[in-house]
Amino acid sequence: MKTISKYIAPRLLGLGEIIAMRVRKKIYKRVIEIIQPNEDMNVLDIGVTCDRSLDSNFFEFLYPFKEKITAVGLEDASYLENEYPGLKFQIADACNLPFNANQFDLAFCSAVIEHVGSISFQEKLIAESTRVAKQVVITTPNRYFPIEFHTLTPFIHWLDPKIFRFFLRITYRNYFAKEKNLNLLSSKDLESILVKRNLSYIKSNQKILGMESNLVYIINKKS
């Protein structure tokens, strides 16, 4: 069993972990206010992990209709089935989901798209999630927030990705120096994919100290 998949970054420790959970709760609350889910909706959570901290699999902890959740990821998170009776877990690739078209009413994909690799793989994730679900929530850290959350480096990630990855290599953070493990997105990057795929969306970005820290998109297929 893998301890770290290529999709999931290692959890933040201490204060960082507390802040991460607070931010994710705010994102969840705002998304739920917009979507207003009910007990009849089938929900897919894309990118769960074997990490048992609440900030990793927070959707399962917060969502009220747990028996309607199908959770997928590259790591063995089967413990979720015991933690939340009725929930179904399946190992699956976010870019190649083993489900039928429109099988789910909602797909929730938090902090995964930045870990699937190049822009073509990021587009595949969006294509697959919008294929299997009628409505999709995508969240990802904003590339242009001053602090890069995975490596806790300031501003350097605003430079050309080659420079940022070189910096990570020389500071012994080789895992995140690889595009397949970390490829940050801006609003412009994400919206270009959505426009290309003819998808409509509601943007509800999360802010910290007045600056957009996390991109939050609620995506719908155009009729």
C-alpha atoms as a PDB file:
ATOM      1  CA  MET A   1       0.000   0.000   0.000  1.00  0.00           C
ATOM      2  CA  LYS A   2       1.260   3.463  -0.874  1.00  0.00           C
ATOM      3  CA  THR A   3       1.668   5.891   1.982  1.00  0.00           C
ATOM      4  CA  ILE A   4       1.615   8.951  -0.280  1.00  0.00           C
ATOM      5  CA  SER A   5      -0.151   8.873  -3.634  1.00  0.00           C
ATOM      6  CA  LYS A   6       0.817  11.212  -6.443  1.00  0.00           C
ATOM      7  CA  TYR A   7      -2.448  13.076  -5.781  1.00  0.00           C
ATOM      8  CA  ILE A   8      -2.256  13.753  -2.075  1.00  0.00           C
ATOM      9  CA  ALA A   9       0.306  15.999  -0.429  1.00  0.00           C
ATOM     10  CA  PRO A  10       1.616  15.125   3.031  1.00  0.00           C
ATOM     11  CA  ARG A  11      -0.536  16.662   5.741  1.00  0.00           C
ATOM     12  CA  LEU A  12       0.507  19.937   7.303  1.00  0.00           C
ATOM     13  CA  LEU A  13       1.560  19.743  10.932  1.00  0.00           C
ATOM     14  CA  GLY A  14       0.591  21.742  14.001  1.00  0.00           C
ATOM     15  CA  LEU A  15      -0.817  25.202  13.371  1.00  0.00           C
ATOM     16  CA  GLY A  16      -0.794  24.673   9.603  1.00  0.00           C
ATOM     17  CA  GLU A  17      -3.082  21.672   9.952  1.00  0.00           C
ATOM     18  CA  ILE A  18      -5.528  23.635  12.128  1.00  0.00           C
ATOM     19  CA  ILE A  19      -5.619  26.482   9.600  1.00  0.00           C
ATOM     20  CA  ALA A  20      -6.102  24.017   6.740  1.00  0.00           C
ATOM     21  CA  MET A  21      -9.123  22.456   8.448  1.00  0.00           C
ATOM     22  CA  ARG A  22     -10.679  25.854   9.165  1.00  0.00           C
ATOM     23  CA  VAL A  23     -10.279  26.893   5.544  1.00  0.00           C
ATOM     24  CA  ARG A  24     -11.762  23.622   4.312  1.00  0.00           C
ATOM     25  CA  LYS A  25     -14.747  23.962   6.646  1.00  0.00           C
ATOM     26  CA  LYS A  26     -15.413  27.433   5.240  1.00  0.00           C
ATOM     27  CA  ILE A  27     -15.151  26.124   1.674  1.00  0.00           C
ATOM     28  CA  TYR A  28     -17.479  23.230   2.493  1.00  0.00           C
ATOM     29  CA  LYS A  29     -20.050  25.491   4.169  1.00  0.00           C
ATOM     30  CA  ARG A  30     -20.150  27.892   1.214  1.00  0.00           C
ATOM     31  CA  VAL A  31     -20.406  25.076  -1.339  1.00  0.00           C
ATOM     32  CA  ILE A  32     -23.238  23.389   0.574  1.00  0.00           C
ATOM     33  CA  GLU A  33     -25.117  26.702   0.785  1.00  0.00           C
ATOM     34  CA  ILE A  34     -24.964  26.989  -3.010  1.00  0.00           C
ATOM     35  CA  ILE A  35     -25.674  23.344  -3.904  1.00  0.00           C
ATOM     36  CA  GLN A  36     -28.186  22.566  -1.121  1.00  0.00           C
ATOM     37  CA  PRO A  37     -27.813  18.762  -1.314  1.00  0.00           C
ATOM     38  CA  ASN A  38     -30.482  16.363  -0.137  1.00  0.00           C
ATOM     39  CA  GLU A  39     -30.601  12.741   1.018  1.00  0.00           C
ATOM     40  CA  ASP A  40     -31.537  11.490  -2.457  1.00  0.00           C
ATOM     41  CA  MET A  41     -28.342  12.723  -4.140  1.00  0.00           C
ATOM     42  CA  ASN A  42     -25.599  10.233  -4.990  1.00  0.00           C
ATOM     43  CA  VAL A  43     -22.229  11.820  -4.260  1.00  0.00           C
ATOM     44  CA  LEU A  44     -18.701  10.973  -5.410  1.00  0.00           C
ATOM     45  CA  ASP A  45     -15.696  12.172  -3.392  1.00  0.00           C
ATOM     46  CA  ILE A  46     -12.615  12.091  -5.619  1.00  0.00           C
ATOM     47  CA  GLY A  47      -9.191  11.761  -4.019  1.00  0.00           C
ATOM     48  CA  VAL A  48      -9.593  10.318  -0.531  1.00  0.00           C
ATOM     49  CA  THR A  49      -6.472   9.152   1.262  1.00  0.00           C
ATOM     50  CA  CYS A  50      -5.399   6.625   3.897  1.00  0.00           C
ATOM     51  CA  ASP A  51      -4.421   9.551   6.172  1.00  0.00           C
ATOM     52  CA  ARG A  52      -6.946   9.482   9.023  1.00  0.00           C
ATOM     53  CA  SER A  53      -6.653  13.143   9.982  1.00  0.00           C
ATOM     54  CA  LEU A  54      -9.923  15.040   9.532  1.00  0.00           C
ATOM     55  CA  ASP A  55      -8.364  17.666   7.279  1.00  0.00           C
ATOM     56  CA  SER A  56      -7.500  14.954   4.723  1.00  0.00           C
ATOM     57  CA  ASN A  57     -10.966  13.403   4.346  1.00  0.00           C
ATOM     58  CA  PHE A  58     -12.997  16.274   5.733  1.00  0.00           C
ATOM     59  CA  PHE A  59     -15.881  15.860   3.287  1.00  0.00           C
ATOM     60  CA  GLU A  60     -16.833  12.492   4.781  1.00  0.00           C
ATOM     61  CA  PHE A  61     -16.712  13.989   8.273  1.00  0.00           C
ATOM     62  CA  LEU A  62     -18.898  16.979   7.425  1.00  0.00           C
ATOM     63  CA  TYR A  63     -21.370  15.692   4.834  1.00  0.00           C
ATOM     64  CA  PRO A  64     -24.685  14.726   6.511  1.00  0.00           C
ATOM     65  CA  PHE A  65     -25.777  11.916   4.144  1.00  0.00           C
ATOM     66  CA  LYS A  66     -22.733   9.671   4.458  1.00  0.00           C
ATOM     67  CA  GLU A  67     -24.542   6.571   3.164  1.00  0.00           C
ATOM     68  CA  LYS A  68     -24.862   8.327  -0.229  1.00  0.00           C
ATOM     69  CA  ILE A  69     -21.092   8.835  -0.637  1.00  0.00           C
ATOM     70  CA  THR A  70     -18.848   6.818  -2.935  1.00  0.00           C
ATOM     71  CA  ALA A  71     -15.226   7.688  -2.106  1.00  0.00           C
ATOM     72  CA  VAL A  72     -12.360   6.979  -4.514  1.00  0.00           C
ATOM     73  CA  GLY A  73      -8.597   7.402  -4.402  1.00  0.00           C
ATOM     74  CA  LEU A  74      -5.275   5.719  -5.145  1.00  0.00           C
ATOM     75  CA  GLU A  75      -4.632   4.876  -1.496  1.00  0.00           C
ATOM     76  CA  ASP A  76      -6.417   2.271   0.595  1.00  0.00           C
ATOM     77  CA  ALA A  77      -8.997   4.325   2.472  1.00  0.00           C
ATOM     78  CA  SER A  78     -11.316   1.387   3.089  1.00  0.00           C
ATOM     79  CA  TYR A  79     -11.365   2.320   6.788  1.00  0.00           C
ATOM     80  CA  LEU A  80     -13.913   4.969   5.766  1.00  0.00           C
ATOM     81  CA  GLU A  81     -16.504   2.239   5.264  1.00  0.00           C
ATOM     82  CA  ASN A  82     -16.198   1.327   8.951  1.00  0.00           C
ATOM     83  CA  GLU A  83     -15.989   4.931  10.063  1.00  0.00           C
ATOM     84  CA  TYR A  84     -19.112   5.953   8.135  1.00  0.00           C
ATOM     85  CA  PRO A  85     -21.592   3.054   7.701  1.00  0.00           C
ATOM     86  CA  GLY A  86     -23.169   2.969   4.242  1.00  0.00           C
ATOM     87  CA  LEU A  87     -20.275   4.775   2.553  1.00  0.00           C
ATOM     88  CA  LYS A  88     -18.636   2.881  -0.323  1.00  0.00           C
ATOM     89  CA  PHE A  89     -14.894   3.038  -1.024  1.00  0.00           C
ATOM     90  CA  GLN A  90     -13.170   2.078  -4.266  1.00  0.00           C
ATOM     91  CA  ILE A  91      -9.589   2.425  -5.458  1.00  0.00           C
ATOM     92  CA  ALA A  92      -9.702   4.437  -8.669  1.00  0.00           C
ATOM     93  CA  ASP A  93      -7.744   6.966 -10.723  1.00  0.00           C
ATOM     94  CA  ALA A  94      -9.271  10.447 -10.817  1.00  0.00           C
ATOM     95  CA  CYS A  95      -8.323  10.725 -14.493  1.00  0.00           C
ATOM     96  CA  ASN A  96      -9.955   7.415 -15.422  1.00  0.00           C
ATOM     97  CA  LEU A  97     -13.039   6.904 -13.288  1.00  0.00           C
ATOM     98  CA  PRO A  98     -14.769   3.482 -13.482  1.00  0.00           C
ATOM     99  CA  PHE A  99     -18.317   4.854 -13.516  1.00  0.00           C
ATOM    100  CA  ASN A 100     -21.100   5.465 -16.008  1.00  0.00           C
ATOM    101  CA  ALA A 101     -22.031   8.870 -17.390  1.00  0.00           C
ATOM    102  CA  ASN A 102     -24.135  10.917 -14.958  1.00  0.00           C
ATOM    103  CA  GLN A 103     -24.008   8.137 -12.366  1.00  0.00           C
ATOM    104  CA  PHE A 104     -23.665  10.761  -9.618  1.00  0.00           C
ATOM    105  CA  ASP A 105     -25.567  13.920  -8.864  1.00  0.00           C
ATOM    106  CA  LEU A 106     -22.478  15.569  -7.387  1.00  0.00           C
ATOM    107  CA  ALA A 107     -18.711  15.017  -7.486  1.00  0.00           C
ATOM    108  CA  PHE A 108     -16.516  16.698  -4.870  1.00  0.00           C
ATOM    109  CA  CYS A 109     -12.804  17.016  -5.666  1.00  0.00           C
ATOM    110  CA  SER A 110     -10.788  18.963  -3.111  1.00  0.00           C
ATOM    111  CA  ALA A 111      -7.048  19.682  -3.458  1.00  0.00           C
ATOM    112  CA  VAL A 112      -6.496  16.891  -5.978  1.00  0.00           C
ATOM    113  CA  ILE A 113      -6.193  18.537  -9.389  1.00  0.00           C
ATOM    114  CA  GLU A 114      -2.818  20.114  -8.541  1.00  0.00           C
ATOM    115  CA  HIS A 115      -1.406  16.600  -7.972  1.00  0.00           C
ATOM    116  CA  VAL A 116      -2.372  14.797 -11.188  1.00  0.00           C
ATOM    117  CA  GLY A 117       0.422  16.134 -13.396  1.00  0.00           C
ATOM    118  CA  SER A 118       0.506  18.259 -16.527  1.00  0.00           C
ATOM    119  CA  ILE A 119      -2.297  20.482 -17.769  1.00  0.00           C
ATOM    120  CA  SER A 120      -3.474  17.668 -20.044  1.00  0.00           C
ATOM    121  CA  PHE A 121      -3.976  15.382 -17.039  1.00  0.00           C
ATOM    122  CA  GLN A 122      -5.703  18.197 -15.164  1.00  0.00           C
ATOM    123  CA  GLU A 123      -8.092  18.530 -18.093  1.00  0.00           C
ATOM    124  CA  LYS A 124      -8.655  14.751 -17.991  1.00  0.00           C
ATOM    125  CA  LEU A 125      -9.655  14.992 -14.333  1.00  0.00           C
ATOM    126  CA  ILE A 126     -12.226  17.659 -15.175  1.00  0.00           C
ATOM    127  CA  ALA A 127     -13.440  15.690 -18.193  1.00  0.00           C
ATOM    128  CA  GLU A 128     -13.879  12.529 -16.143  1.00  0.00           C
ATOM    129  CA  SER A 129     -15.525  14.191 -13.151  1.00  0.00           C
ATOM    130  CA  THR A 130     -18.005  16.059 -15.367  1.00  0.00           C
ATOM    131  CA  ARG A 131     -18.674  12.878 -17.323  1.00  0.00           C
ATOM    132  CA  VAL A 132     -19.720  10.830 -14.281  1.00  0.00           C
ATOM    133  CA  ALA A 133     -21.453  13.612 -12.319  1.00  0.00           C
ATOM    134  CA  LYS A 134     -24.090  16.192 -13.144  1.00  0.00           C
ATOM    135  CA  GLN A 135     -22.453  18.815 -10.956  1.00  0.00           C
ATOM    136  CA  VAL A 136     -18.809  19.010  -9.872  1.00  0.00           C
ATOM    137  CA  VAL A 137     -16.962  20.950  -7.185  1.00  0.00           C
ATOM    138  CA  ILE A 138     -13.252  21.524  -7.818  1.00  0.00           C
ATOM    139  CA  THR A 139     -11.035  23.189  -5.221  1.00  0.00           C
ATOM    140  CA  THR A 140      -7.307  23.840  -5.418  1.00  0.00           C
ATOM    141  CA  PRO A 141      -4.807  26.231  -3.809  1.00  0.00           C
ATOM    142  CA  ASN A 142      -4.430  29.475  -5.720  1.00  0.00           C
ATOM    143  CA  ARG A 143      -1.023  29.674  -7.374  1.00  0.00           C
ATOM    144  CA  TYR A 144      -0.957  33.424  -6.765  1.00  0.00           C
ATOM    145  CA  PHE A 145      -1.471  33.323  -3.021  1.00  0.00           C
ATOM    146  CA  PRO A 146       1.794  34.563  -1.404  1.00  0.00           C
ATOM    147  CA  ILE A 147       2.494  31.263   0.414  1.00  0.00           C
ATOM    148  CA  GLU A 148       2.666  27.928  -1.418  1.00  0.00           C
ATOM    149  CA  PHE A 149       0.857  25.565   0.954  1.00  0.00           C
ATOM    150  CA  HIS A 150       2.636  22.280   0.151  1.00  0.00           C
ATOM    151  CA  THR A 151       6.190  23.566   0.531  1.00  0.00           C
ATOM    152  CA  LEU A 152       5.494  26.671   2.659  1.00  0.00           C
ATOM    153  CA  THR A 153       7.665  28.787   0.359  1.00  0.00           C
ATOM    154  CA  PRO A 154       6.787  32.467  -0.231  1.00  0.00           C
ATOM    155  CA  PHE A 155       6.471  34.047  -3.689  1.00  0.00           C
ATOM    156  CA  ILE A 156       8.953  31.785  -5.536  1.00  0.00           C
ATOM    157  CA  HIS A 157       6.051  29.742  -6.940  1.00  0.00           C
ATOM    158  CA  TRP A 158       4.938  32.886  -8.797  1.00  0.00           C
ATOM    159  CA  LEU A 159       7.987  32.553 -11.051  1.00  0.00           C
ATOM    160  CA  ASP A 160       8.254  30.302 -14.085  1.00  0.00           C
ATOM    161  CA  PRO A 161       7.513  26.713 -12.958  1.00  0.00           C
ATOM    162  CA  LYS A 162      10.982  25.608 -14.093  1.00  0.00           C
ATOM    163  CA  ILE A 163      12.563  28.082 -11.673  1.00  0.00           C
ATOM    164  CA  PHE A 164      10.259  27.039  -8.831  1.00  0.00           C
ATOM    165  CA  ARG A 165      10.999  23.347  -9.409  1.00  0.00           C
ATOM    166  CA  PHE A 166      14.730  24.041  -9.547  1.00  0.00           C
ATOM    167  CA  PHE A 167      14.440  25.800  -6.184  1.00  0.00           C
ATOM    168  CA  LEU A 168      12.603  22.808  -4.728  1.00  0.00           C
ATOM    169  CA  ARG A 169      15.285  20.425  -5.971  1.00  0.00           C
ATOM    170  CA  ILE A 170      18.168  22.396  -4.463  1.00  0.00           C
ATOM    171  CA  THR A 171      16.270  22.658  -1.161  1.00  0.00           C
ATOM    172  CA  TYR A 172      15.765  18.875  -1.068  1.00  0.00           C
ATOM    173  CA  ARG A 173      12.048  18.840  -1.811  1.00  0.00           C
ATOM    174  CA  ASN A 174      12.356  16.556  -4.788  1.00  0.00           C
ATOM    175  CA  TYR A 175       8.867  15.068  -4.507  1.00  0.00           C
ATOM    176  CA  PHE A 176       7.150  18.389  -5.153  1.00  0.00           C
ATOM    177  CA  ALA A 177       9.785  19.422  -7.685  1.00  0.00           C
ATOM    178  CA  LYS A 178       8.195  16.989 -10.151  1.00  0.00           C
ATOM    179  CA  GLU A 179       5.294  18.242 -12.248  1.00  0.00           C
ATOM    180  CA  LYS A 180       3.453  14.944 -11.823  1.00  0.00           C
ATOM    181  CA  ASN A 181       3.293  15.581  -8.054  1.00  0.00           C
ATOM    182  CA  LEU A 182       2.627  19.318  -7.956  1.00  0.00           C
ATOM    183  CA  ASN A 183       1.376  21.562 -10.752  1.00  0.00           C
ATOM    184  CA  LEU A 184      -0.195  24.726  -9.388  1.00  0.00           C
ATOM    185  CA  LEU A 185      -3.133  26.462 -11.047  1.00  0.00           C
ATOM    186  CA  SER A 186      -4.384  30.030 -11.238  1.00  0.00           C
ATOM    187  CA  SER A 187      -7.973  31.073 -11.883  1.00  0.00           C
ATOM    188  CA  LYS A 188      -6.993  31.807 -15.484  1.00  0.00           C
ATOM    189  CA  ASP A 189      -5.540  28.301 -15.918  1.00  0.00           C
ATOM    190  CA  LEU A 190      -8.596  26.580 -14.509  1.00  0.00           C
ATOM    191  CA  GLU A 191     -11.103  28.729 -16.343  1.00  0.00           C
ATOM    192  CA  SER A 192      -9.353  28.123 -19.659  1.00  0.00           C
ATOM    193  CA  ILE A 193     -10.014  24.382 -19.217  1.00  0.00           C
ATOM    194  CA  LEU A 194     -13.656  24.978 -18.309  1.00  0.00           C
ATOM    195  CA  VAL A 195     -14.234  27.265 -21.299  1.00  0.00           C
ATOM    196  CA  LYS A 196     -12.489  24.801 -23.620  1.00  0.00           C
ATOM    197  CA  ARG A 197     -14.807  22.033 -22.438  1.00  0.00           C
ATOM    198  CA  ASN A 198     -17.898  24.251 -22.704  1.00  0.00           C
ATOM    199  CA  LEU A 199     -18.665  24.076 -18.985  1.00  0.00           C
ATOM    200  CA  SER A 200     -20.490  26.711 -16.973  1.00  0.00           C
ATOM    201  CA  TYR A 201     -19.422  27.459 -13.427  1.00  0.00           C
ATOM    202  CA  ILE A 202     -19.936  29.432 -10.251  1.00  0.00           C
ATOM    203  CA  LYS A 203     -16.756  30.765  -8.662  1.00  0.00           C
ATOM    204  CA  SER A 204     -16.643  30.989  -4.862  1.00  0.00           C
ATOM    205  CA  ASN A 205     -12.976  31.449  -4.031  1.00  0.00           C
ATOM    206  CA  GLN A 206     -11.839  31.352  -0.401  1.00  0.00           C
ATOM    207  CA  LYS A 207      -9.831  34.239   1.039  1.00  0.00           C
ATOM    208  CA  ILE A 208      -7.278  34.559   3.815  1.00  0.00           C
ATOM    209  CA  LEU A 209      -6.525  38.118   4.984  1.00  0.00           C
ATOM    210  CA  GLY A 210      -8.364  39.452   1.943  1.00  0.00           C
ATOM    211  CA  MET A 211      -6.329  37.437  -0.573  1.00  0.00           C
ATOM    212  CA  GLU A 212      -7.654  34.482  -2.560  1.00  0.00           C
ATOM    213  CA  SER A 213      -6.021  31.417  -1.039  1.00  0.00           C
ATOM    214  CA  ASN A 214      -8.122  28.646  -2.586  1.00  0.00           C
ATOM    215  CA  LEU A 215      -9.907  28.426  -5.916  1.00  0.00           C
ATOM    216  CA  VAL A 216     -13.412  26.980  -5.599  1.00  0.00           C
ATOM    217  CA  TYR A 217     -15.447  26.205  -8.728  1.00  0.00           C
ATOM    218  CA  ILE A 218     -18.924  24.669  -8.883  1.00  0.00           C
ATOM    219  CA  ILE A 219     -19.170  23.293 -12.407  1.00  0.00           C
ATOM    220  CA  ASN A 220     -22.250  22.500 -14.445  1.00  0.00           C
ATOM    221  CA  LYS A 221     -22.645  21.110 -17.948  1.00  0.00           C
ATOM    222  CA  LYS A 222     -24.217  23.527 -20.406  1.00  0.00           C
ATOM    223  CA  SER A 223     -27.527  22.333 -21.806  1.00  0.00           C
END
